[in-house]
Amino acid sequence: MPGSVWASLSGSLPESLAYGVAVALFGFVVCASAFVRHEMALLACIPPMFVALIVGFAMWIHLYGLAGIGAGVVALLPGYPAARLVARRFATRDLLINIYLAWSVAMVVALIGFSFPDMP
């Protein structure tokens, strides 16, 4: 059905999903970095935190433009509870491993999201 809401949303649905997952993972990286207690591990969190803040913010703005404020807010919600759970359950070293793992997966998903063609 041309002109319907579903027709305009279905073209951007995979892109919105990729952006939402990447923003959620970047949110986890930022929140989990805030829970790191050891000073040397905190220094190791600077690169993922820096990239997650910049790329995550840019992706969040694009997600807001694609799917609206609802998708943007929902993508930010799982970061803090997941980071808190991981920080309470694991030691500092394991938390740092989880931060770098989430960062690498988020960068792969971001690459997939960036590879979608621009819609006219």
PDB file of N, CA and C in Angstrom:
ATOM      1  N   MET A   1       0.831  -1.169   0.000  1.00  0.00           N
ATOM      2  CA  MET A   1       0.000   0.000   0.000  1.00  0.00           C
ATOM      3  C   MET A   1       0.887   1.246   0.000  1.00  0.00           C
ATOM      4  N   PRO A   2       1.019   1.867  -1.131  1.00  0.00           N
ATOM      5  CA  PRO A   2       1.845   3.075  -1.143  1.00  0.00           C
ATOM      6  C   PRO A   2       1.193   4.202  -0.362  1.00  0.00           C
ATOM      7  N   GLY A   3       2.018   4.924   0.326  1.00  0.00           N
ATOM      8  CA  GLY A   3       1.526   6.052   1.103  1.00  0.00           C
ATOM      9  C   GLY A   3       1.136   5.711   2.525  1.00  0.00           C
ATOM     10  N   SER A   4       1.114   4.426   2.862  1.00  0.00           N
ATOM     11  CA  SER A   4       0.732   4.061   4.227  1.00  0.00           C
ATOM     12  C   SER A   4       1.930   4.185   5.159  1.00  0.00           C
ATOM     13  N   VAL A   5       1.621   4.188   6.433  1.00  0.00           N
ATOM     14  CA  VAL A   5       2.684   4.306   7.431  1.00  0.00           C
ATOM     15  C   VAL A   5       3.589   3.084   7.387  1.00  0.00           C
ATOM     16  N   TRP A   6       3.005   1.886   7.228  1.00  0.00           N
ATOM     17  CA  TRP A   6       3.806   0.662   7.212  1.00  0.00           C
ATOM     18  C   TRP A   6       4.755   0.645   6.020  1.00  0.00           C
ATOM     19  N   ALA A   7       4.318   1.159   4.872  1.00  0.00           N
ATOM     20  CA  ALA A   7       5.180   1.178   3.700  1.00  0.00           C
ATOM     21  C   ALA A   7       6.388   2.084   3.924  1.00  0.00           C
ATOM     22  N   SER A   8       6.205   3.183   4.621  1.00  0.00           N
ATOM     23  CA  SER A   8       7.342   4.066   4.858  1.00  0.00           C
ATOM     24  C   SER A   8       8.238   3.552   5.978  1.00  0.00           C
ATOM     25  N   LEU A   9       7.672   2.787   6.921  1.00  0.00           N
ATOM     26  CA  LEU A   9       8.466   2.271   8.036  1.00  0.00           C
ATOM     27  C   LEU A   9       9.201   0.998   7.671  1.00  0.00           C
ATOM     28  N   SER A  10       8.644   0.189   6.773  1.00  0.00           N
ATOM     29  CA  SER A  10       9.248  -1.109   6.482  1.00  0.00           C
ATOM     30  C   SER A  10      10.610  -0.976   5.817  1.00  0.00           C
ATOM     31  N   GLY A  11      10.853   0.103   5.105  1.00  0.00           N
ATOM     32  CA  GLY A  11      12.161   0.296   4.499  1.00  0.00           C
ATOM     33  C   GLY A  11      13.229   0.634   5.511  1.00  0.00           C
ATOM     34  N   SER A  12      12.846   1.257   6.610  1.00  0.00           N
ATOM     35  CA  SER A  12      13.833   1.651   7.604  1.00  0.00           C
ATOM     36  C   SER A  12      13.841   0.744   8.829  1.00  0.00           C
ATOM     37  N   LEU A  13      13.016  -0.296   8.840  1.00  0.00           N
ATOM     38  CA  LEU A  13      12.945  -1.173  10.007  1.00  0.00           C
ATOM     39  C   LEU A  13      14.258  -1.911  10.288  1.00  0.00           C
ATOM     40  N   PRO A  14      14.899  -2.544   9.298  1.00  0.00           N
ATOM     41  CA  PRO A  14      16.187  -3.196   9.607  1.00  0.00           C
ATOM     42  C   PRO A  14      17.261  -2.201  10.047  1.00  0.00           C
ATOM     43  N   GLU A  15      17.255  -1.033   9.431  1.00  0.00           N
ATOM     44  CA  GLU A  15      18.222  -0.009   9.812  1.00  0.00           C
ATOM     45  C   GLU A  15      17.961   0.487  11.231  1.00  0.00           C
ATOM     46  N   SER A  16      16.689   0.688  11.566  1.00  0.00           N
ATOM     47  CA  SER A  16      16.337   1.120  12.917  1.00  0.00           C
ATOM     48  C   SER A  16      16.707   0.064  13.942  1.00  0.00           C
ATOM     49  N   LEU A  17      16.518  -1.191  13.599  1.00  0.00           N
ATOM     50  CA  LEU A  17      16.878  -2.284  14.508  1.00  0.00           C
ATOM     51  C   LEU A  17      18.382  -2.331  14.744  1.00  0.00           C
ATOM     52  N   ALA A  18      19.156  -2.185  13.685  1.00  0.00           N
ATOM     53  CA  ALA A  18      20.616  -2.187  13.834  1.00  0.00           C
ATOM     54  C   ALA A  18      21.083  -1.002  14.672  1.00  0.00           C
ATOM     55  N   TYR A  19      20.503   0.150  14.429  1.00  0.00           N
ATOM     56  CA  TYR A  19      20.873   1.335  15.203  1.00  0.00           C
ATOM     57  C   TYR A  19      20.455   1.187  16.659  1.00  0.00           C
ATOM     58  N   GLY A  20      19.269   0.622  16.898  1.00  0.00           N
ATOM     59  CA  GLY A  20      18.801   0.441  18.270  1.00  0.00           C
ATOM     60  C   GLY A  20      19.670  -0.517  19.060  1.00  0.00           C
ATOM     61  N   VAL A  21      20.074  -1.620  18.444  1.00  0.00           N
ATOM     62  CA  VAL A  21      20.950  -2.581  19.123  1.00  0.00           C
ATOM     63  C   VAL A  21      22.313  -1.950  19.411  1.00  0.00           C
ATOM     64  N   ALA A  22      22.847  -1.227  18.454  1.00  0.00           N
ATOM     65  CA  ALA A  22      24.148  -0.584  18.662  1.00  0.00           C
ATOM     66  C   ALA A  22      24.071   0.461  19.770  1.00  0.00           C
ATOM     67  N   VAL A  23      23.006   1.258  19.802  1.00  0.00           N
ATOM     68  CA  VAL A  23      22.855   2.268  20.845  1.00  0.00           C
ATOM     69  C   VAL A  23      22.708   1.602  22.213  1.00  0.00           C
ATOM     70  N   ALA A  24      21.981   0.497  22.279  1.00  0.00           N
ATOM     71  CA  ALA A  24      21.839  -0.225  23.549  1.00  0.00           C
ATOM     72  C   ALA A  24      23.186  -0.761  24.028  1.00  0.00           C
ATOM     73  N   LEU A  25      23.974  -1.301  23.129  1.00  0.00           N
ATOM     74  CA  LEU A  25      25.296  -1.809  23.517  1.00  0.00           C
ATOM     75  C   LEU A  25      26.238  -0.670  23.915  1.00  0.00           C
ATOM     76  N   PHE A  26      26.179   0.435  23.200  1.00  0.00           N
ATOM     77  CA  PHE A  26      26.998   1.589  23.582  1.00  0.00           C
ATOM     78  C   PHE A  26      26.559   2.143  24.934  1.00  0.00           C
ATOM     79  N   GLY A  27      25.271   2.110  25.207  1.00  0.00           N
ATOM     80  CA  GLY A  27      24.776   2.522  26.526  1.00  0.00           C
ATOM     81  C   GLY A  27      25.300   1.629  27.634  1.00  0.00           C
ATOM     82  N   PHE A  28      25.378   0.321  27.348  1.00  0.00           N
ATOM     83  CA  PHE A  28      25.955  -0.604  28.323  1.00  0.00           C
ATOM     84  C   PHE A  28      27.421  -0.281  28.568  1.00  0.00           C
ATOM     85  N   VAL A  29      28.161   0.014  27.515  1.00  0.00           N
ATOM     86  CA  VAL A  29      29.592   0.318  27.659  1.00  0.00           C
ATOM     87  C   VAL A  29      29.783   1.551  28.542  1.00  0.00           C
ATOM     88  N   VAL A  30      28.986   2.574  28.321  1.00  0.00           N
ATOM     89  CA  VAL A  30      29.119   3.805  29.104  1.00  0.00           C
ATOM     90  C   VAL A  30      28.759   3.554  30.564  1.00  0.00           C
ATOM     91  N   CYS A  31      27.646   2.872  30.793  1.00  0.00           N
ATOM     92  CA  CYS A  31      27.216   2.615  32.181  1.00  0.00           C
ATOM     93  C   CYS A  31      28.149   1.653  32.900  1.00  0.00           C
ATOM     94  N   ALA A  32      28.608   0.621  32.207  1.00  0.00           N
ATOM     95  CA  ALA A  32      29.514  -0.340  32.844  1.00  0.00           C
ATOM     96  C   ALA A  32      30.858   0.303  33.167  1.00  0.00           C
ATOM     97  N   SER A  33      31.307   1.229  32.335  1.00  0.00           N
ATOM     98  CA  SER A  33      32.556   1.937  32.627  1.00  0.00           C
ATOM     99  C   SER A  33      32.439   2.772  33.889  1.00  0.00           C
ATOM    100  N   ALA A  34      31.247   3.233  34.176  1.00  0.00           N
ATOM    101  CA  ALA A  34      31.040   4.013  35.405  1.00  0.00           C
ATOM    102  C   ALA A  34      31.109   3.137  36.652  1.00  0.00           C
ATOM    103  N   PHE A  35      30.901   1.836  36.504  1.00  0.00           N
ATOM    104  CA  PHE A  35      30.938   0.926  37.647  1.00  0.00           C
ATOM    105  C   PHE A  35      32.320   0.337  37.920  1.00  0.00           C
ATOM    106  N   VAL A  36      33.311   0.634  37.093  1.00  0.00           N
ATOM    107  CA  VAL A  36      34.666   0.099  37.296  1.00  0.00           C
ATOM    108  C   VAL A  36      35.286   0.777  38.506  1.00  0.00           C
ATOM    109  N   ARG A  37      35.850  -0.021  39.402  1.00  0.00           N
ATOM    110  CA  ARG A  37      36.375   0.525  40.659  1.00  0.00           C
ATOM    111  C   ARG A  37      37.908   0.657  40.687  1.00  0.00           C
ATOM    112  N   HIS A  38      38.604  -0.182  39.996  1.00  0.00           N
ATOM    113  CA  HIS A  38      40.060  -0.177  40.045  1.00  0.00           C
ATOM    114  C   HIS A  38      40.615   0.922  39.136  1.00  0.00           C
ATOM    115  N   GLU A  39      41.643   1.641  39.615  1.00  0.00           N
ATOM    116  CA  GLU A  39      42.142   2.810  38.900  1.00  0.00           C
ATOM    117  C   GLU A  39      42.750   2.461  37.545  1.00  0.00           C
ATOM    118  N   MET A  40      43.556   1.402  37.493  1.00  0.00           N
ATOM    119  CA  MET A  40      44.192   1.033  36.227  1.00  0.00           C
ATOM    120  C   MET A  40      43.161   0.513  35.231  1.00  0.00           C
ATOM    121  N   ALA A  41      42.167  -0.197  35.709  1.00  0.00           N
ATOM    122  CA  ALA A  41      41.099  -0.660  34.820  1.00  0.00           C
ATOM    123  C   ALA A  41      40.259   0.517  34.330  1.00  0.00           C
ATOM    124  N   LEU A  42      40.144   1.528  35.169  1.00  0.00           N
ATOM    125  CA  LEU A  42      39.405   2.717  34.764  1.00  0.00           C
ATOM    126  C   LEU A  42      40.111   3.427  33.607  1.00  0.00           C
ATOM    127  N   LEU A  43      41.437   3.419  33.622  1.00  0.00           N
ATOM    128  CA  LEU A  43      42.189   3.983  32.498  1.00  0.00           C
ATOM    129  C   LEU A  43      41.978   3.168  31.231  1.00  0.00           C
ATOM    130  N   ALA A  44      41.823   1.854  31.382  1.00  0.00           N
ATOM    131  CA  ALA A  44      41.586   1.005  30.216  1.00  0.00           C
ATOM    132  C   ALA A  44      40.188   1.209  29.640  1.00  0.00           C
ATOM    133  N   CYS A  45      39.296   1.828  30.381  1.00  0.00           N
ATOM    134  CA  CYS A  45      37.930   2.085  29.904  1.00  0.00           C
ATOM    135  C   CYS A  45      37.817   3.365  29.091  1.00  0.00           C
ATOM    136  N   ILE A  46      38.879   4.146  29.022  1.00  0.00           N
ATOM    137  CA  ILE A  46      38.802   5.420  28.311  1.00  0.00           C
ATOM    138  C   ILE A  46      38.521   5.239  26.815  1.00  0.00           C
ATOM    139  N   PRO A  47      39.249   4.354  26.088  1.00  0.00           N
ATOM    140  CA  PRO A  47      38.947   4.223  24.643  1.00  0.00           C
ATOM    141  C   PRO A  47      37.522   3.760  24.340  1.00  0.00           C
ATOM    142  N   PRO A  48      37.014   2.689  24.985  1.00  0.00           N
ATOM    143  CA  PRO A  48      35.630   2.316  24.650  1.00  0.00           C
ATOM    144  C   PRO A  48      34.609   3.366  25.077  1.00  0.00           C
ATOM    145  N   MET A  49      34.862   4.024  26.184  1.00  0.00           N
ATOM    146  CA  MET A  49      33.928   5.055  26.651  1.00  0.00           C
ATOM    147  C   MET A  49      33.900   6.230  25.676  1.00  0.00           C
ATOM    148  N   PHE A  50      35.059   6.657  25.208  1.00  0.00           N
ATOM    149  CA  PHE A  50      35.155   7.776  24.277  1.00  0.00           C
ATOM    150  C   PHE A  50      34.419   7.466  22.975  1.00  0.00           C
ATOM    151  N   VAL A  51      34.696   6.305  22.413  1.00  0.00           N
ATOM    152  CA  VAL A  51      34.063   5.921  21.150  1.00  0.00           C
ATOM    153  C   VAL A  51      32.565   5.698  21.344  1.00  0.00           C
ATOM    154  N   ALA A  52      32.184   5.070  22.465  1.00  0.00           N
ATOM    155  CA  ALA A  52      30.766   4.799  22.710  1.00  0.00           C
ATOM    156  C   ALA A  52      29.973   6.092  22.865  1.00  0.00           C
ATOM    157  N   LEU A  53      30.543   7.084  23.504  1.00  0.00           N
ATOM    158  CA  LEU A  53      29.835   8.355  23.656  1.00  0.00           C
ATOM    159  C   LEU A  53      29.642   9.068  22.318  1.00  0.00           C
ATOM    160  N   ILE A  54      30.684   9.106  21.511  1.00  0.00           N
ATOM    161  CA  ILE A  54      30.604   9.836  20.246  1.00  0.00           C
ATOM    162  C   ILE A  54      29.762   9.086  19.221  1.00  0.00           C
ATOM    163  N   VAL A  55      30.089   7.824  18.967  1.00  0.00           N
ATOM    164  CA  VAL A  55      29.362   7.058  17.953  1.00  0.00           C
ATOM    165  C   VAL A  55      27.937   6.778  18.423  1.00  0.00           C
ATOM    166  N   GLY A  56      27.777   6.482  19.707  1.00  0.00           N
ATOM    167  CA  GLY A  56      26.440   6.228  20.227  1.00  0.00           C
ATOM    168  C   GLY A  56      25.539   7.442  20.124  1.00  0.00           C
ATOM    169  N   PHE A  57      26.077   8.618  20.382  1.00  0.00           N
ATOM    170  CA  PHE A  57      25.280   9.838  20.266  1.00  0.00           C
ATOM    171  C   PHE A  57      24.876  10.090  18.822  1.00  0.00           C
ATOM    172  N   ALA A  58      25.810   9.920  17.897  1.00  0.00           N
ATOM    173  CA  ALA A  58      25.490  10.114  16.483  1.00  0.00           C
ATOM    174  C   ALA A  58      24.453   9.101  16.003  1.00  0.00           C
ATOM    175  N   MET A  59      24.588   7.868  16.458  1.00  0.00           N
ATOM    176  CA  MET A  59      23.629   6.844  16.070  1.00  0.00           C
ATOM    177  C   MET A  59      22.270   7.088  16.717  1.00  0.00           C
ATOM    178  N   TRP A  60      22.261   7.602  17.941  1.00  0.00           N
ATOM    179  CA  TRP A  60      20.991   7.873  18.603  1.00  0.00           C
ATOM    180  C   TRP A  60      20.231   8.973  17.870  1.00  0.00           C
ATOM    181  N   ILE A  61      20.936   9.997  17.415  1.00  0.00           N
ATOM    182  CA  ILE A  61      20.279  11.067  16.666  1.00  0.00           C
ATOM    183  C   ILE A  61      19.690  10.530  15.363  1.00  0.00           C
ATOM    184  N   HIS A  62      20.425   9.668  14.687  1.00  0.00           N
ATOM    185  CA  HIS A  62      19.910   9.091  13.444  1.00  0.00           C
ATOM    186  C   HIS A  62      18.730   8.157  13.737  1.00  0.00           C
ATOM    187  N   LEU A  63      18.798   7.395  14.826  1.00  0.00           N
ATOM    188  CA  LEU A  63      17.681   6.522  15.220  1.00  0.00           C
ATOM    189  C   LEU A  63      16.446   7.355  15.541  1.00  0.00           C
ATOM    190  N   TYR A  64      16.639   8.466  16.212  1.00  0.00           N
ATOM    191  CA  TYR A  64      15.526   9.373  16.504  1.00  0.00           C
ATOM    192  C   TYR A  64      14.891   9.884  15.217  1.00  0.00           C
ATOM    193  N   GLY A  65      15.701  10.177  14.234  1.00  0.00           N
ATOM    194  CA  GLY A  65      15.170  10.626  12.949  1.00  0.00           C
ATOM    195  C   GLY A  65      14.461   9.522  12.180  1.00  0.00           C
ATOM    196  N   LEU A  66      14.937   8.288  12.327  1.00  0.00           N
ATOM    197  CA  LEU A  66      14.327   7.171  11.612  1.00  0.00           C
ATOM    198  C   LEU A  66      13.026   6.702  12.256  1.00  0.00           C
ATOM    199  N   ALA A  67      13.043   6.482  13.557  1.00  0.00           N
ATOM    200  CA  ALA A  67      11.935   5.785  14.216  1.00  0.00           C
ATOM    201  C   ALA A  67      11.243   6.608  15.291  1.00  0.00           C
ATOM    202  N   GLY A  68      11.730   7.781  15.605  1.00  0.00           N
ATOM    203  CA  GLY A  68      11.060   8.614  16.586  1.00  0.00           C
ATOM    204  C   GLY A  68      11.643   8.496  17.984  1.00  0.00           C
ATOM    205  N   ILE A  69      11.059   9.264  18.886  1.00  0.00           N
ATOM    206  CA  ILE A  69      11.581   9.348  20.252  1.00  0.00           C
ATOM    207  C   ILE A  69      11.367   8.052  21.023  1.00  0.00           C
ATOM    208  N   GLY A  70      10.310   7.322  20.708  1.00  0.00           N
ATOM    209  CA  GLY A  70      10.045   6.066  21.413  1.00  0.00           C
ATOM    210  C   GLY A  70      11.164   5.058  21.230  1.00  0.00           C
ATOM    211  N   ALA A  71      11.602   4.880  19.996  1.00  0.00           N
ATOM    212  CA  ALA A  71      12.703   3.951  19.725  1.00  0.00           C
ATOM    213  C   ALA A  71      14.007   4.446  20.342  1.00  0.00           C
ATOM    214  N   GLY A  72      14.198   5.758  20.346  1.00  0.00           N
ATOM    215  CA  GLY A  72      15.412   6.300  20.945  1.00  0.00           C
ATOM    216  C   GLY A  72      15.480   6.069  22.444  1.00  0.00           C
ATOM    217  N   VAL A  73      14.356   6.223  23.126  1.00  0.00           N
ATOM    218  CA  VAL A  73      14.326   6.011  24.571  1.00  0.00           C
ATOM    219  C   VAL A  73      14.431   4.531  24.904  1.00  0.00           C
ATOM    220  N   VAL A  74      13.717   3.693  24.159  1.00  0.00           N
ATOM    221  CA  VAL A  74      13.754   2.248  24.418  1.00  0.00           C
ATOM    222  C   VAL A  74      15.165   1.695  24.209  1.00  0.00           C
ATOM    223  N   ALA A  75      15.895   2.219  23.250  1.00  0.00           N
ATOM    224  CA  ALA A  75      17.261   1.745  23.010  1.00  0.00           C
ATOM    225  C   ALA A  75      18.197   2.091  24.165  1.00  0.00           C
ATOM    226  N   LEU A  76      17.902   3.153  24.902  1.00  0.00           N
ATOM    227  CA  LEU A  76      18.770   3.553  26.009  1.00  0.00           C
ATOM    228  C   LEU A  76      18.453   2.819  27.317  1.00  0.00           C
ATOM    229  N   LEU A  77      17.287   2.243  27.424  1.00  0.00           N
ATOM    230  CA  LEU A  77      16.848   1.660  28.696  1.00  0.00           C
ATOM    231  C   LEU A  77      17.652   0.452  29.190  1.00  0.00           C
ATOM    232  N   PRO A  78      18.019  -0.526  28.370  1.00  0.00           N
ATOM    233  CA  PRO A  78      18.661  -1.726  28.935  1.00  0.00           C
ATOM    234  C   PRO A  78      20.115  -1.546  29.373  1.00  0.00           C
ATOM    235  N   GLY A  79      20.749  -0.436  29.060  1.00  0.00           N
ATOM    236  CA  GLY A  79      22.171  -0.262  29.366  1.00  0.00           C
ATOM    237  C   GLY A  79      22.483  -0.258  30.851  1.00  0.00           C
ATOM    238  N   TYR A  80      21.764   0.544  31.626  1.00  0.00           N
ATOM    239  CA  TYR A  80      22.065   0.665  33.052  1.00  0.00           C
ATOM    240  C   TYR A  80      21.757  -0.601  33.844  1.00  0.00           C
ATOM    241  N   PRO A  81      20.584  -1.220  33.717  1.00  0.00           N
ATOM    242  CA  PRO A  81      20.343  -2.441  34.498  1.00  0.00           C
ATOM    243  C   PRO A  81      21.309  -3.576  34.159  1.00  0.00           C
ATOM    244  N   ALA A  82      21.638  -3.704  32.877  1.00  0.00           N
ATOM    245  CA  ALA A  82      22.590  -4.751  32.490  1.00  0.00           C
ATOM    246  C   ALA A  82      23.974  -4.459  33.059  1.00  0.00           C
ATOM    247  N   ALA A  83      24.397  -3.208  33.016  1.00  0.00           N
ATOM    248  CA  ALA A  83      25.712  -2.853  33.550  1.00  0.00           C
ATOM    249  C   ALA A  83      25.767  -3.057  35.060  1.00  0.00           C
ATOM    250  N   ARG A  84      24.703  -2.714  35.740  1.00  0.00           N
ATOM    251  CA  ARG A  84      24.671  -2.894  37.187  1.00  0.00           C
ATOM    252  C   ARG A  84      24.727  -4.371  37.568  1.00  0.00           C
ATOM    253  N   LEU A  85      23.988  -5.191  36.828  1.00  0.00           N
ATOM    254  CA  LEU A  85      23.994  -6.632  37.086  1.00  0.00           C
ATOM    255  C   LEU A  85      25.379  -7.230  36.849  1.00  0.00           C
ATOM    256  N   VAL A  86      25.998  -6.853  35.750  1.00  0.00           N
ATOM    257  CA  VAL A  86      27.333  -7.377  35.439  1.00  0.00           C
ATOM    258  C   VAL A  86      28.357  -6.870  36.449  1.00  0.00           C
ATOM    259  N   ALA A  87      28.256  -5.629  36.868  1.00  0.00           N
ATOM    260  CA  ALA A  87      29.217  -5.073  37.826  1.00  0.00           C
ATOM    261  C   ALA A  87      29.084  -5.711  39.198  1.00  0.00           C
ATOM    262  N   ARG A  88      27.884  -6.067  39.583  1.00  0.00           N
ATOM    263  CA  ARG A  88      27.699  -6.714  40.891  1.00  0.00           C
ATOM    264  C   ARG A  88      28.129  -8.173  40.864  1.00  0.00           C
ATOM    265  N   ARG A  89      28.002  -8.812  39.715  1.00  0.00           N
ATOM    266  CA  ARG A  89      28.269 -10.241  39.620  1.00  0.00           C
ATOM    267  C   ARG A  89      29.742 -10.564  39.393  1.00  0.00           C
ATOM    268  N   PHE A  90      30.431  -9.725  38.628  1.00  0.00           N
ATOM    269  CA  PHE A  90      31.793 -10.039  38.215  1.00  0.00           C
ATOM    270  C   PHE A  90      32.810  -9.124  38.874  1.00  0.00           C
ATOM    271  N   ALA A  91      34.057  -9.581  38.878  1.00  0.00           N
ATOM    272  CA  ALA A  91      35.174  -8.780  39.391  1.00  0.00           C
ATOM    273  C   ALA A  91      35.554  -7.727  38.347  1.00  0.00           C
ATOM    274  N   THR A  92      36.484  -6.870  38.707  1.00  0.00           N
ATOM    275  CA  THR A  92      36.877  -5.759  37.835  1.00  0.00           C
ATOM    276  C   THR A  92      37.445  -6.254  36.510  1.00  0.00           C
ATOM    277  N   ARG A  93      38.264  -7.280  36.563  1.00  0.00           N
ATOM    278  CA  ARG A  93      38.865  -7.808  35.338  1.00  0.00           C
ATOM    279  C   ARG A  93      37.792  -8.343  34.397  1.00  0.00           C
ATOM    280  N   ASP A  94      36.847  -9.088  34.938  1.00  0.00           N
ATOM    281  CA  ASP A  94      35.781  -9.634  34.104  1.00  0.00           C
ATOM    282  C   ASP A  94      34.841  -8.543  33.593  1.00  0.00           C
ATOM    283  N   LEU A  95      34.637  -7.518  34.393  1.00  0.00           N
ATOM    284  CA  LEU A  95      33.828  -6.384  33.945  1.00  0.00           C
ATOM    285  C   LEU A  95      34.509  -5.683  32.778  1.00  0.00           C
ATOM    286  N   LEU A  96      35.817  -5.535  32.853  1.00  0.00           N
ATOM    287  CA  LEU A  96      36.567  -4.917  31.764  1.00  0.00           C
ATOM    288  C   LEU A  96      36.484  -5.769  30.496  1.00  0.00           C
ATOM    289  N   ILE A  97      36.536  -7.079  30.637  1.00  0.00           N
ATOM    290  CA  ILE A  97      36.383  -7.969  29.484  1.00  0.00           C
ATOM    291  C   ILE A  97      34.995  -7.803  28.867  1.00  0.00           C
ATOM    292  N   ASN A  98      33.976  -7.701  29.707  1.00  0.00           N
ATOM    293  CA  ASN A  98      32.616  -7.504  29.203  1.00  0.00           C
ATOM    294  C   ASN A  98      32.458  -6.164  28.499  1.00  0.00           C
ATOM    295  N   ILE A  99      33.114  -5.136  29.010  1.00  0.00           N
ATOM    296  CA  ILE A  99      33.047  -3.820  28.375  1.00  0.00           C
ATOM    297  C   ILE A  99      33.664  -3.876  26.981  1.00  0.00           C
ATOM    298  N   TYR A 100      34.829  -4.478  26.868  1.00  0.00           N
ATOM    299  CA  TYR A 100      35.481  -4.561  25.561  1.00  0.00           C
ATOM    300  C   TYR A 100      34.725  -5.479  24.610  1.00  0.00           C
ATOM    301  N   LEU A 101      34.112  -6.545  25.122  1.00  0.00           N
ATOM    302  CA  LEU A 101      33.318  -7.429  24.276  1.00  0.00           C
ATOM    303  C   LEU A 101      32.076  -6.701  23.753  1.00  0.00           C
ATOM    304  N   ALA A 102      31.380  -5.989  24.626  1.00  0.00           N
ATOM    305  CA  ALA A 102      30.199  -5.238  24.191  1.00  0.00           C
ATOM    306  C   ALA A 102      30.594  -4.136  23.218  1.00  0.00           C
ATOM    307  N   TRP A 103      31.746  -3.513  23.453  1.00  0.00           N
ATOM    308  CA  TRP A 103      32.210  -2.462  22.552  1.00  0.00           C
ATOM    309  C   TRP A 103      32.493  -3.023  21.159  1.00  0.00           C
ATOM    310  N   SER A 104      33.147  -4.174  21.090  1.00  0.00           N
ATOM    311  CA  SER A 104      33.466  -4.753  19.778  1.00  0.00           C
ATOM    312  C   SER A 104      32.203  -5.205  19.047  1.00  0.00           C
ATOM    313  N   VAL A 105      31.243  -5.788  19.759  1.00  0.00           N
ATOM    314  CA  VAL A 105      29.989  -6.187  19.116  1.00  0.00           C
ATOM    315  C   VAL A 105      29.218  -4.947  18.664  1.00  0.00           C
ATOM    316  N   ALA A 106      29.216  -3.900  19.477  1.00  0.00           N
ATOM    317  CA  ALA A 106      28.527  -2.661  19.102  1.00  0.00           C
ATOM    318  C   ALA A 106      29.163  -2.036  17.864  1.00  0.00           C
ATOM    319  N   MET A 107      30.463  -2.094  17.747  1.00  0.00           N
ATOM    320  CA  MET A 107      31.117  -1.528  16.565  1.00  0.00           C
ATOM    321  C   MET A 107      30.780  -2.333  15.310  1.00  0.00           C
ATOM    322  N   VAL A 108      30.656  -3.655  15.435  1.00  0.00           N
ATOM    323  CA  VAL A 108      30.263  -4.474  14.283  1.00  0.00           C
ATOM    324  C   VAL A 108      28.826  -4.156  13.878  1.00  0.00           C
ATOM    325  N   VAL A 109      27.935  -4.050  14.866  1.00  0.00           N
ATOM    326  CA  VAL A 109      26.538  -3.709  14.566  1.00  0.00           C
ATOM    327  C   VAL A 109      26.445  -2.286  14.000  1.00  0.00           C
ATOM    328  N   ALA A 110      27.271  -1.381  14.498  1.00  0.00           N
ATOM    329  CA  ALA A 110      27.298  -0.023  13.959  1.00  0.00           C
ATOM    330  C   ALA A 110      27.776  -0.023  12.509  1.00  0.00           C
ATOM    331  N   LEU A 111      28.749  -0.853  12.198  1.00  0.00           N
ATOM    332  CA  LEU A 111      29.215  -0.964  10.815  1.00  0.00           C
ATOM    333  C   LEU A 111      28.097  -1.478   9.918  1.00  0.00           C
ATOM    334  N   ILE A 112      27.332  -2.444  10.414  1.00  0.00           N
ATOM    335  CA  ILE A 112      26.182  -2.941   9.648  1.00  0.00           C
ATOM    336  C   ILE A 112      25.148  -1.816   9.488  1.00  0.00           C
ATOM    337  N   GLY A 113      24.900  -1.074  10.553  1.00  0.00           N
ATOM    338  CA  GLY A 113      23.942   0.019  10.468  1.00  0.00           C
ATOM    339  C   GLY A 113      24.388   1.124   9.533  1.00  0.00           C
ATOM    340  N   PHE A 114      25.672   1.428   9.526  1.00  0.00           N
ATOM    341  CA  PHE A 114      26.186   2.471   8.643  1.00  0.00           C
ATOM    342  C   PHE A 114      26.196   2.038   7.177  1.00  0.00           C
ATOM    343  N   SER A 115      26.145   0.744   6.922  1.00  0.00           N
ATOM    344  CA  SER A 115      26.233   0.262   5.540  1.00  0.00           C
ATOM    345  C   SER A 115      24.897   0.291   4.811  1.00  0.00           C
ATOM    346  N   PHE A 116      23.797   0.609   5.505  1.00  0.00           N
ATOM    347  CA  PHE A 116      22.511   0.725   4.818  1.00  0.00           C
ATOM    348  C   PHE A 116      22.545   1.945   3.900  1.00  0.00           C
ATOM    349  N   PRO A 117      21.953   1.826   2.713  1.00  0.00           N
ATOM    350  CA  PRO A 117      21.944   2.997   1.822  1.00  0.00           C
ATOM    351  C   PRO A 117      21.014   4.082   2.352  1.00  0.00           C
ATOM    352  N   ASP A 118      21.337   5.311   2.018  1.00  0.00           N
ATOM    353  CA  ASP A 118      20.488   6.430   2.428  1.00  0.00           C
ATOM    354  C   ASP A 118      19.190   6.390   1.649  1.00  0.00           C
ATOM    355  N   MET A 119      18.109   6.672   2.359  1.00  0.00           N
ATOM    356  CA  MET A 119      16.794   6.681   1.711  1.00  0.00           C
ATOM    357  C   MET A 119      16.540   8.067   1.117  1.00  0.00           C
ATOM    358  N   PRO A 120      15.943   8.121  -0.076  1.00  0.00           N
ATOM    359  CA  PRO A 120      15.688   9.436  -0.703  1.00  0.00           C
ATOM    360  C   PRO A 120      14.592  10.197   0.005  1.00  0.00           C
TER     361      PRO A 120
END
